[in-house]
PDB file of N, CA and C in Angstrom:
ATOM      1  N   MET A   1       1.720 -46.553 -20.132  1.00  0.00           N
ATOM      2  CA  MET A   1       1.949 -47.725 -19.318  1.00  0.00           C
ATOM      3  C   MET A   1       2.074 -47.273 -17.871  1.00  0.00           C
ATOM      4  N   ALA A   2       1.297 -47.909 -17.006  1.00  0.00           N
ATOM      5  CA  ALA A   2       1.313 -47.555 -15.595  1.00  0.00           C
ATOM      6  C   ALA A   2       2.263 -48.485 -14.852  1.00  0.00           C
ATOM      7  N   VAL A   3       3.065 -47.903 -13.992  1.00  0.00           N
ATOM      8  CA  VAL A   3       4.010 -48.690 -13.198  1.00  0.00           C
ATOM      9  C   VAL A   3       3.688 -48.447 -11.744  1.00  0.00           C
ATOM     10  N   GLY A   4       3.510 -49.519 -10.999  1.00  0.00           N
ATOM     11  CA  GLY A   4       3.208 -49.398  -9.583  1.00  0.00           C
ATOM     12  C   GLY A   4       4.428 -48.965  -8.796  1.00  0.00           C
ATOM     13  N   ALA A   5       4.236 -48.804  -7.485  1.00  0.00           N
ATOM     14  CA  ALA A   5       5.342 -48.351  -6.631  1.00  0.00           C
ATOM     15  C   ALA A   5       6.501 -49.340  -6.659  1.00  0.00           C
ATOM     16  N   ALA A   6       6.189 -50.633  -6.627  1.00  0.00           N
ATOM     17  CA  ALA A   6       7.263 -51.632  -6.651  1.00  0.00           C
ATOM     18  C   ALA A   6       7.988 -51.607  -7.984  1.00  0.00           C
ATOM     19  N   GLY A   7       7.236 -51.443  -9.074  1.00  0.00           N
ATOM     20  CA  GLY A   7       7.856 -51.373 -10.397  1.00  0.00           C
ATOM     21  C   GLY A   7       8.753 -50.168 -10.533  1.00  0.00           C
ATOM     22  N   ALA A   8       8.313 -49.020  -9.996  1.00  0.00           N
ATOM     23  CA  ALA A   8       9.125 -47.806 -10.064  1.00  0.00           C
ATOM     24  C   ALA A   8      10.417 -47.983  -9.281  1.00  0.00           C
ATOM     25  N   ALA A   9      10.326 -48.655  -8.122  1.00  0.00           N
ATOM     26  CA  ALA A   9      11.531 -48.889  -7.326  1.00  0.00           C
ATOM     27  C   ALA A   9      12.498 -49.794  -8.074  1.00  0.00           C
ATOM     28  N   THR A  10      11.965 -50.779  -8.780  1.00  0.00           N
ATOM     29  CA  THR A  10      12.815 -51.690  -9.546  1.00  0.00           C
ATOM     30  C   THR A  10      13.525 -50.950 -10.661  1.00  0.00           C
ATOM     31  N   VAL A  11      12.794 -50.078 -11.357  1.00  0.00           N
ATOM     32  CA  VAL A  11      13.399 -49.308 -12.444  1.00  0.00           C
ATOM     33  C   VAL A  11      14.474 -48.394 -11.893  1.00  0.00           C
ATOM     34  N   THR A  12      14.204 -47.752 -10.767  1.00  0.00           N
ATOM     35  CA  THR A  12      15.176 -46.846 -10.169  1.00  0.00           C
ATOM     36  C   THR A  12      16.426 -47.603  -9.726  1.00  0.00           C
ATOM     37  N   THR A  13      16.245 -48.760  -9.131  1.00  0.00           N
ATOM     38  CA  THR A  13      17.387 -49.553  -8.681  1.00  0.00           C
ATOM     39  C   THR A  13      18.225 -50.009  -9.867  1.00  0.00           C
ATOM     40  N   ALA A  14      17.550 -50.435 -10.947  1.00  0.00           N
ATOM     41  CA  ALA A  14      18.284 -50.855 -12.133  1.00  0.00           C
ATOM     42  C   ALA A  14      19.055 -49.682 -12.733  1.00  0.00           C
ATOM     43  N   GLY A  15      18.437 -48.516 -12.744  1.00  0.00           N
ATOM     44  CA  GLY A  15      19.123 -47.323 -13.259  1.00  0.00           C
ATOM     45  C   GLY A  15      20.325 -46.958 -12.413  1.00  0.00           C
ATOM     46  N   ALA A  16      20.190 -47.071 -11.102  1.00  0.00           N
ATOM     47  CA  ALA A  16      21.308 -46.763 -10.209  1.00  0.00           C
ATOM     48  C   ALA A  16      22.449 -47.755 -10.405  1.00  0.00           C
ATOM     49  N   ALA A  17      22.102 -49.029 -10.613  1.00  0.00           N
ATOM     50  CA  ALA A  17      23.142 -50.037 -10.823  1.00  0.00           C
ATOM     51  C   ALA A  17      23.895 -49.767 -12.127  1.00  0.00           C
ATOM     52  N   THR A  18      23.163 -49.371 -13.158  1.00  0.00           N
ATOM     53  CA  THR A  18      23.813 -49.059 -14.433  1.00  0.00           C
ATOM     54  C   THR A  18      24.734 -47.859 -14.290  1.00  0.00           C
ATOM     55  N   ALA A  19      24.255 -46.833 -13.593  1.00  0.00           N
ATOM     56  CA  ALA A  19      25.076 -45.639 -13.390  1.00  0.00           C
ATOM     57  C   ALA A  19      26.332 -45.973 -12.591  1.00  0.00           C
ATOM     58  N   ALA A  20      26.188 -46.816 -11.565  1.00  0.00           N
ATOM     59  CA  ALA A  20      27.347 -47.199 -10.755  1.00  0.00           C
ATOM     60  C   ALA A  20      28.358 -47.980 -11.582  1.00  0.00           C
ATOM     61  N   ARG A  21      27.854 -48.860 -12.465  1.00  0.00           N
ATOM     62  CA  ARG A  21      28.752 -49.643 -13.305  1.00  0.00           C
ATOM     63  C   ARG A  21      29.539 -48.723 -14.233  1.00  0.00           C
ATOM     64  N   TRP A  22      28.865 -47.742 -14.853  1.00  0.00           N
ATOM     65  CA  TRP A  22      29.561 -46.815 -15.748  1.00  0.00           C
ATOM     66  C   TRP A  22      30.536 -45.946 -14.977  1.00  0.00           C
ATOM     67  N   THR A  23      30.192 -45.596 -13.746  1.00  0.00           N
ATOM     68  CA  THR A  23      31.098 -44.796 -12.927  1.00  0.00           C
ATOM     69  C   THR A  23      32.363 -45.579 -12.624  1.00  0.00           C
ATOM     70  N   ARG A  24      32.202 -46.853 -12.293  1.00  0.00           N
ATOM     71  CA  ARG A  24      33.384 -47.692 -12.016  1.00  0.00           C
ATOM     72  C   ARG A  24      34.245 -47.857 -13.262  1.00  0.00           C
ATOM     73  N   LEU A  25      33.596 -48.038 -14.414  1.00  0.00           N
ATOM     74  CA  LEU A  25      34.359 -48.169 -15.653  1.00  0.00           C
ATOM     75  C   LEU A  25      35.128 -46.888 -15.964  1.00  0.00           C
ATOM     76  N   GLY A  26      34.495 -45.745 -15.756  1.00  0.00           N
ATOM     77  CA  GLY A  26      35.169 -44.471 -15.997  1.00  0.00           C
ATOM     78  C   GLY A  26      36.331 -44.263 -15.040  1.00  0.00           C
ATOM     79  N   ALA A  27      36.119 -44.638 -13.777  1.00  0.00           N
ATOM     80  CA  ALA A  27      37.193 -44.495 -12.794  1.00  0.00           C
ATOM     81  C   ALA A  27      38.372 -45.387 -13.151  1.00  0.00           C
ATOM     82  N   ARG A  28      38.078 -46.600 -13.606  1.00  0.00           N
ATOM     83  CA  ARG A  28      39.159 -47.515 -13.991  1.00  0.00           C
ATOM     84  C   ARG A  28      39.933 -46.964 -15.187  1.00  0.00           C
ATOM     85  N   ALA A  29      39.204 -46.404 -16.155  1.00  0.00           N
ATOM     86  CA  ALA A  29      39.870 -45.848 -17.344  1.00  0.00           C
ATOM     87  C   ALA A  29      40.747 -44.659 -16.967  1.00  0.00           C
ATOM     88  N   ARG A  30      40.229 -43.783 -16.112  1.00  0.00           N
ATOM     89  CA  ARG A  30      41.031 -42.613 -15.700  1.00  0.00           C
ATOM     90  C   ARG A  30      42.228 -43.041 -14.870  1.00  0.00           C
ATOM     91  N   ALA A  31      42.043 -44.041 -14.005  1.00  0.00           N
ATOM     92  CA  ALA A  31      43.155 -44.505 -13.173  1.00  0.00           C
ATOM     93  C   ALA A  31      44.243 -45.141 -14.026  1.00  0.00           C
ATOM     94  N   SER A  32      43.849 -45.930 -15.008  1.00  0.00           N
ATOM     95  CA  SER A  32      44.875 -46.558 -15.856  1.00  0.00           C
ATOM     96  C   SER A  32      45.606 -45.503 -16.682  1.00  0.00           C
ATOM     97  N   TRP A  33      44.879 -44.465 -17.105  1.00  0.00           N
ATOM     98  CA  TRP A  33      45.503 -43.358 -17.846  1.00  0.00           C
ATOM     99  C   TRP A  33      46.516 -42.646 -16.952  1.00  0.00           C
ATOM    100  N   ALA A  34      46.146 -42.412 -15.697  1.00  0.00           N
ATOM    101  CA  ALA A  34      47.039 -41.718 -14.777  1.00  0.00           C
ATOM    102  C   ALA A  34      48.260 -42.556 -14.431  1.00  0.00           C
ATOM    103  N   VAL A  35      48.091 -43.871 -14.318  1.00  0.00           N
ATOM    104  CA  VAL A  35      49.210 -44.746 -13.972  1.00  0.00           C
ATOM    105  C   VAL A  35      50.228 -44.803 -15.105  1.00  0.00           C
ATOM    106  N   ARG A  36      49.758 -44.796 -16.349  1.00  0.00           N
ATOM    107  CA  ARG A  36      50.672 -44.864 -17.495  1.00  0.00           C
ATOM    108  C   ARG A  36      51.389 -43.540 -17.734  1.00  0.00           C
ATOM    109  N   MET A  37      50.856 -42.454 -17.219  1.00  0.00           N
ATOM    110  CA  MET A  37      51.436 -41.136 -17.469  1.00  0.00           C
ATOM    111  C   MET A  37      52.711 -40.954 -16.645  1.00  0.00           C
ATOM    112  N   ARG A  38      53.652 -40.216 -17.184  1.00  0.00           N
ATOM    113  CA  ARG A  38      54.862 -39.900 -16.420  1.00  0.00           C
ATOM    114  C   ARG A  38      54.482 -39.023 -15.232  1.00  0.00           C
ATOM    115  N   THR A  39      55.241 -39.125 -14.185  1.00  0.00           N
ATOM    116  CA  THR A  39      54.939 -38.397 -12.952  1.00  0.00           C
ATOM    117  C   THR A  39      54.890 -36.891 -13.188  1.00  0.00           C
ATOM    118  N   ALA A  40      55.846 -36.361 -13.889  1.00  0.00           N
ATOM    119  CA  ALA A  40      55.883 -34.914 -14.139  1.00  0.00           C
ATOM    120  C   ALA A  40      54.649 -34.462 -14.913  1.00  0.00           C
ATOM    121  N   THR A  41      54.236 -35.251 -15.896  1.00  0.00           N
ATOM    122  CA  THR A  41      53.056 -34.895 -16.682  1.00  0.00           C
ATOM    123  C   THR A  41      51.801 -34.950 -15.818  1.00  0.00           C
ATOM    124  N   LEU A  42      51.713 -35.969 -14.978  1.00  0.00           N
ATOM    125  CA  LEU A  42      50.563 -36.077 -14.086  1.00  0.00           C
ATOM    126  C   LEU A  42      50.485 -34.873 -13.160  1.00  0.00           C
ATOM    127  N   TYR A  43      51.605 -34.461 -12.590  1.00  0.00           N
ATOM    128  CA  TYR A  43      51.615 -33.298 -11.715  1.00  0.00           C
ATOM    129  C   TYR A  43      51.202 -32.034 -12.461  1.00  0.00           C
ATOM    130  N   ARG A  44      51.612 -31.911 -13.715  1.00  0.00           N
ATOM    131  CA  ARG A  44      51.212 -30.742 -14.505  1.00  0.00           C
ATOM    132  C   ARG A  44      49.711 -30.734 -14.748  1.00  0.00           C
ATOM    133  N   VAL A  45      49.166 -31.894 -15.086  1.00  0.00           N
ATOM    134  CA  VAL A  45      47.719 -31.997 -15.317  1.00  0.00           C
ATOM    135  C   VAL A  45      46.961 -31.650 -14.043  1.00  0.00           C
ATOM    136  N   LEU A  46      47.395 -32.200 -12.918  1.00  0.00           N
ATOM    137  CA  LEU A  46      46.738 -31.896 -11.645  1.00  0.00           C
ATOM    138  C   LEU A  46      46.854 -30.415 -11.294  1.00  0.00           C
ATOM    139  N   ALA A  47      48.008 -29.810 -11.559  1.00  0.00           N
ATOM    140  CA  ALA A  47      48.194 -28.387 -11.281  1.00  0.00           C
ATOM    141  C   ALA A  47      47.252 -27.536 -12.126  1.00  0.00           C
ATOM    142  N   VAL A  48      47.117 -27.884 -13.397  1.00  0.00           N
ATOM    143  CA  VAL A  48      46.208 -27.131 -14.273  1.00  0.00           C
ATOM    144  C   VAL A  48      44.774 -27.261 -13.785  1.00  0.00           C
ATOM    145  N   LEU A  49      44.368 -28.472 -13.398  1.00  0.00           N
ATOM    146  CA  LEU A  49      43.015 -28.668 -12.885  1.00  0.00           C
ATOM    147  C   LEU A  49      42.772 -27.865 -11.611  1.00  0.00           C
ATOM    148  N   MET A  50      43.766 -27.827 -10.728  1.00  0.00           N
ATOM    149  CA  MET A  50      43.614 -27.059  -9.482  1.00  0.00           C
ATOM    150  C   MET A  50      43.527 -25.564  -9.759  1.00  0.00           C
ATOM    151  N   VAL A  51      44.306 -25.071 -10.711  1.00  0.00           N
ATOM    152  CA  VAL A  51      44.233 -23.656 -11.075  1.00  0.00           C
ATOM    153  C   VAL A  51      42.852 -23.343 -11.657  1.00  0.00           C
ATOM    154  N   CYS A  52      42.334 -24.243 -12.491  1.00  0.00           N
ATOM    155  CA  CYS A  52      40.989 -24.033 -13.055  1.00  0.00           C
ATOM    156  C   CYS A  52      39.934 -23.982 -11.954  1.00  0.00           C
ATOM    157  N   MET A  53      40.056 -24.857 -10.957  1.00  0.00           N
ATOM    158  CA  MET A  53      39.109 -24.837  -9.838  1.00  0.00           C
ATOM    159  C   MET A  53      39.224 -23.536  -9.049  1.00  0.00           C
ATOM    160  N   ALA A  54      40.447 -23.078  -8.828  1.00  0.00           N
ATOM    161  CA  ALA A  54      40.648 -21.839  -8.089  1.00  0.00           C
ATOM    162  C   ALA A  54      40.048 -20.652  -8.831  1.00  0.00           C
ATOM    163  N   VAL A  55      40.250 -20.605 -10.136  1.00  0.00           N
ATOM    164  CA  VAL A  55      39.680 -19.513 -10.946  1.00  0.00           C
ATOM    165  C   VAL A  55      38.158 -19.554 -10.870  1.00  0.00           C
ATOM    166  N   ALA A  56      37.593 -20.742 -10.963  1.00  0.00           N
ATOM    167  CA  ALA A  56      36.134 -20.868 -10.892  1.00  0.00           C
ATOM    168  C   ALA A  56      35.612 -20.406  -9.534  1.00  0.00           C
ATOM    169  N   LEU A  57      36.313 -20.773  -8.458  1.00  0.00           N
ATOM    170  CA  LEU A  57      35.875 -20.342  -7.122  1.00  0.00           C
ATOM    171  C   LEU A  57      35.954 -18.829  -6.966  1.00  0.00           C
ATOM    172  N   VAL A  58      37.057 -18.240  -7.410  1.00  0.00           N
ATOM    173  CA  VAL A  58      37.197 -16.783  -7.309  1.00  0.00           C
ATOM    174  C   VAL A  58      36.124 -16.092  -8.143  1.00  0.00           C
ATOM    175  N   ALA A  59      35.877 -16.593  -9.330  1.00  0.00           N
ATOM    176  CA  ALA A  59      34.874 -15.973 -10.200  1.00  0.00           C
ATOM    177  C   ALA A  59      33.485 -16.042  -9.586  1.00  0.00           C
ATOM    178  N   THR A  60      33.136 -17.171  -8.990  1.00  0.00           N
ATOM    179  CA  THR A  60      31.795 -17.290  -8.416  1.00  0.00           C
ATOM    180  C   THR A  60      31.645 -16.515  -7.117  1.00  0.00           C
ATOM    181  N   HIS A  61      32.741 -16.280  -6.408  1.00  0.00           N
ATOM    182  CA  HIS A  61      32.638 -15.543  -5.151  1.00  0.00           C
ATOM    183  C   HIS A  61      32.752 -14.043  -5.322  1.00  0.00           C
ATOM    184  N   THR A  62      33.286 -13.592  -6.421  1.00  0.00           N
ATOM    185  CA  THR A  62      33.457 -12.147  -6.601  1.00  0.00           C
ATOM    186  C   THR A  62      32.488 -11.556  -7.616  1.00  0.00           C
ATOM    187  N   ALA A  63      31.853 -12.377  -8.409  1.00  0.00           N
ATOM    188  CA  ALA A  63      30.947 -11.864  -9.444  1.00  0.00           C
ATOM    189  C   ALA A  63      29.622 -11.440  -8.824  1.00  0.00           C
ATOM    190  N   TYR A  64      29.049 -10.390  -9.389  1.00  0.00           N
ATOM    191  CA  TYR A  64      27.724  -9.952  -8.965  1.00  0.00           C
ATOM    192  C   TYR A  64      26.703 -10.584  -9.900  1.00  0.00           C
ATOM    193  N   LEU A  65      25.756 -11.276  -9.319  1.00  0.00           N
ATOM    194  CA  LEU A  65      24.738 -11.931 -10.131  1.00  0.00           C
ATOM    195  C   LEU A  65      23.410 -11.214  -9.946  1.00  0.00           C
ATOM    196  N   GLU A  66      22.746 -10.947 -11.030  1.00  0.00           N
ATOM    197  CA  GLU A  66      21.418 -10.352 -10.976  1.00  0.00           C
ATOM    198  C   GLU A  66      20.438 -11.377 -10.420  1.00  0.00           C
ATOM    199  N   GLY A  67      19.287 -10.896 -10.012  1.00  0.00           N
ATOM    200  CA  GLY A  67      18.233 -11.801  -9.583  1.00  0.00           C
ATOM    201  C   GLY A  67      17.776 -12.672 -10.745  1.00  0.00           C
ATOM    202  N   LEU A  68      17.023 -13.687 -10.432  1.00  0.00           N
ATOM    203  CA  LEU A  68      16.570 -14.605 -11.463  1.00  0.00           C
ATOM    204  C   LEU A  68      15.453 -14.031 -12.326  1.00  0.00           C
ATOM    205  N   GLY A  69      14.801 -12.971 -11.861  1.00  0.00           N
ATOM    206  CA  GLY A  69      13.716 -12.379 -12.637  1.00  0.00           C
ATOM    207  C   GLY A  69      12.474 -13.242 -12.647  1.00  0.00           C
ATOM    208  N   LEU A  70      12.215 -13.911 -11.541  1.00  0.00           N
ATOM    209  CA  LEU A  70      11.044 -14.787 -11.463  1.00  0.00           C
ATOM    210  C   LEU A  70       9.791 -13.951 -11.241  1.00  0.00           C
ATOM    211  N   GLU A  71       8.691 -14.400 -11.790  1.00  0.00           N
ATOM    212  CA  GLU A  71       7.416 -13.693 -11.653  1.00  0.00           C
ATOM    213  C   GLU A  71       6.334 -14.634 -11.156  1.00  0.00           C
ATOM    214  N   GLY A  72       5.353 -14.070 -10.479  1.00  0.00           N
ATOM    215  CA  GLY A  72       4.139 -14.793 -10.102  1.00  0.00           C
ATOM    216  C   GLY A  72       4.367 -15.979  -9.190  1.00  0.00           C
ATOM    217  N   PRO A  73       3.671 -17.089  -9.471  1.00  0.00           N
ATOM    218  CA  PRO A  73       3.721 -18.261  -8.592  1.00  0.00           C
ATOM    219  C   PRO A  73       5.124 -18.865  -8.455  1.00  0.00           C
ATOM    220  N   VAL A  74       5.935 -18.746  -9.485  1.00  0.00           N
ATOM    221  CA  VAL A  74       7.296 -19.289  -9.417  1.00  0.00           C
ATOM    222  C   VAL A  74       8.097 -18.526  -8.370  1.00  0.00           C
ATOM    223  N   ARG A  75       7.910 -17.217  -8.314  1.00  0.00           N
ATOM    224  CA  ARG A  75       8.614 -16.399  -7.320  1.00  0.00           C
ATOM    225  C   ARG A  75       8.162 -16.751  -5.910  1.00  0.00           C
ATOM    226  N   VAL A  76       6.866 -17.002  -5.743  1.00  0.00           N
ATOM    227  CA  VAL A  76       6.334 -17.384  -4.431  1.00  0.00           C
ATOM    228  C   VAL A  76       6.937 -18.722  -4.000  1.00  0.00           C
ATOM    229  N   ALA A  77       6.968 -19.689  -4.904  1.00  0.00           N
ATOM    230  CA  ALA A  77       7.520 -21.004  -4.572  1.00  0.00           C
ATOM    231  C   ALA A  77       8.997 -20.901  -4.219  1.00  0.00           C
ATOM    232  N   ASP A  78       9.741 -20.065  -4.925  1.00  0.00           N
ATOM    233  CA  ASP A  78      11.154 -19.875  -4.637  1.00  0.00           C
ATOM    234  C   ASP A  78      11.341 -19.266  -3.256  1.00  0.00           C
ATOM    235  N   GLY A  79      10.518 -18.301  -2.923  1.00  0.00           N
ATOM    236  CA  GLY A  79      10.594 -17.678  -1.602  1.00  0.00           C
ATOM    237  C   GLY A  79      10.271 -18.658  -0.494  1.00  0.00           C
ATOM    238  N   GLN A  80       9.290 -19.519  -0.735  1.00  0.00           N
ATOM    239  CA  GLN A  80       8.939 -20.518   0.273  1.00  0.00           C
ATOM    240  C   GLN A  80      10.066 -21.530   0.451  1.00  0.00           C
ATOM    241  N   ALA A  81      10.727 -21.891  -0.620  1.00  0.00           N
ATOM    242  CA  ALA A  81      11.856 -22.820  -0.519  1.00  0.00           C
ATOM    243  C   ALA A  81      12.997 -22.184   0.267  1.00  0.00           C
ATOM    244  N   ASP A  82      13.264 -20.902   0.032  1.00  0.00           N
ATOM    245  CA  ASP A  82      14.308 -20.204   0.793  1.00  0.00           C
ATOM    246  C   ASP A  82      13.958 -20.152   2.271  1.00  0.00           C
ATOM    247  N   GLN A  83      12.702 -19.886   2.567  1.00  0.00           N
ATOM    248  CA  GLN A  83      12.273 -19.822   3.966  1.00  0.00           C
ATOM    249  C   GLN A  83      12.401 -21.184   4.628  1.00  0.00           C
ATOM    250  N   ALA A  84      12.070 -22.255   3.921  1.00  0.00           N
ATOM    251  CA  ALA A  84      12.196 -23.607   4.479  1.00  0.00           C
ATOM    252  C   ALA A  84      13.666 -23.927   4.773  1.00  0.00           C
ATOM    253  N   LYS A  85      14.571 -23.489   3.892  1.00  0.00           N
ATOM    254  CA  LYS A  85      16.007 -23.702   4.130  1.00  0.00           C
ATOM    255  C   LYS A  85      16.462 -22.966   5.388  1.00  0.00           C
ATOM    256  N   GLU A  86      16.024 -21.730   5.525  1.00  0.00           N
ATOM    257  CA  GLU A  86      16.410 -20.943   6.698  1.00  0.00           C
ATOM    258  C   GLU A  86      15.849 -21.558   7.977  1.00  0.00           C
ATOM    259  N   ASP A  87      14.603 -22.044   7.932  1.00  0.00           N
ATOM    260  CA  ASP A  87      14.010 -22.697   9.101  1.00  0.00           C
ATOM    261  C   ASP A  87      14.798 -23.940   9.481  1.00  0.00           C
ATOM    262  N   ALA A  88      15.237 -24.709   8.494  1.00  0.00           N
ATOM    263  CA  ALA A  88      16.020 -25.914   8.770  1.00  0.00           C
ATOM    264  C   ALA A  88      17.361 -25.549   9.402  1.00  0.00           C
ATOM    265  N   LYS A  89      17.999 -24.487   8.907  1.00  0.00           N
ATOM    266  CA  LYS A  89      19.266 -24.049   9.491  1.00  0.00           C
ATOM    267  C   LYS A  89      19.073 -23.620  10.937  1.00  0.00           C
ATOM    268  N   ASP A  90      17.986 -22.873  11.214  1.00  0.00           N
ATOM    269  CA  ASP A  90      17.709 -22.434  12.581  1.00  0.00           C
ATOM    270  C   ASP A  90      17.494 -23.630  13.499  1.00  0.00           C
ATOM    271  N   THR A  91      16.783 -24.635  13.005  1.00  0.00           N
ATOM    272  CA  THR A  91      16.535 -25.834  13.803  1.00  0.00           C
ATOM    273  C   THR A  91      17.843 -26.535  14.123  1.00  0.00           C
ATOM    274  N   LEU A  92      18.735 -26.639  13.153  1.00  0.00           N
ATOM    275  CA  LEU A  92      20.025 -27.304  13.381  1.00  0.00           C
ATOM    276  C   LEU A  92      20.884 -26.511  14.358  1.00  0.00           C
ATOM    277  N   ARG A  93      20.820 -25.194  14.286  1.00  0.00           N
ATOM    278  CA  ARG A  93      21.630 -24.364  15.213  1.00  0.00           C
ATOM    279  C   ARG A  93      21.182 -24.543  16.651  1.00  0.00           C
ATOM    280  N   ARG A  94      19.880 -24.760  16.852  1.00  0.00           N
ATOM    281  CA  ARG A  94      19.348 -24.889  18.209  1.00  0.00           C
ATOM    282  C   ARG A  94      19.725 -26.218  18.850  1.00  0.00           C
ATOM    283  N   HIS A  95      20.035 -27.220  18.033  1.00  0.00           N
ATOM    284  CA  HIS A  95      20.287 -28.573  18.598  1.00  0.00           C
ATOM    285  C   HIS A  95      21.727 -28.880  18.659  1.00  0.00           C
TER     286      HIS A  95
END
């Protein structure tokens, strides 16, 4: 089935609206859960989440990662994407 440009935009907009609706429902559920929780318990949950984030940040900043092992055209495309990022950064620094 072929979908024209207008049809594709309609599908994308409908998908975005559905995602936004589910996001709002999830936020409401989490907020009601947090409101019903005792203050001390909420602080403990938040503290655990913050510690988990800190551990993740330390792990990603101190770990040594090997290269991706890309070969052939994929490696060329990756290099071109890196160069485009660097060019964009240079352009922003100049302005």
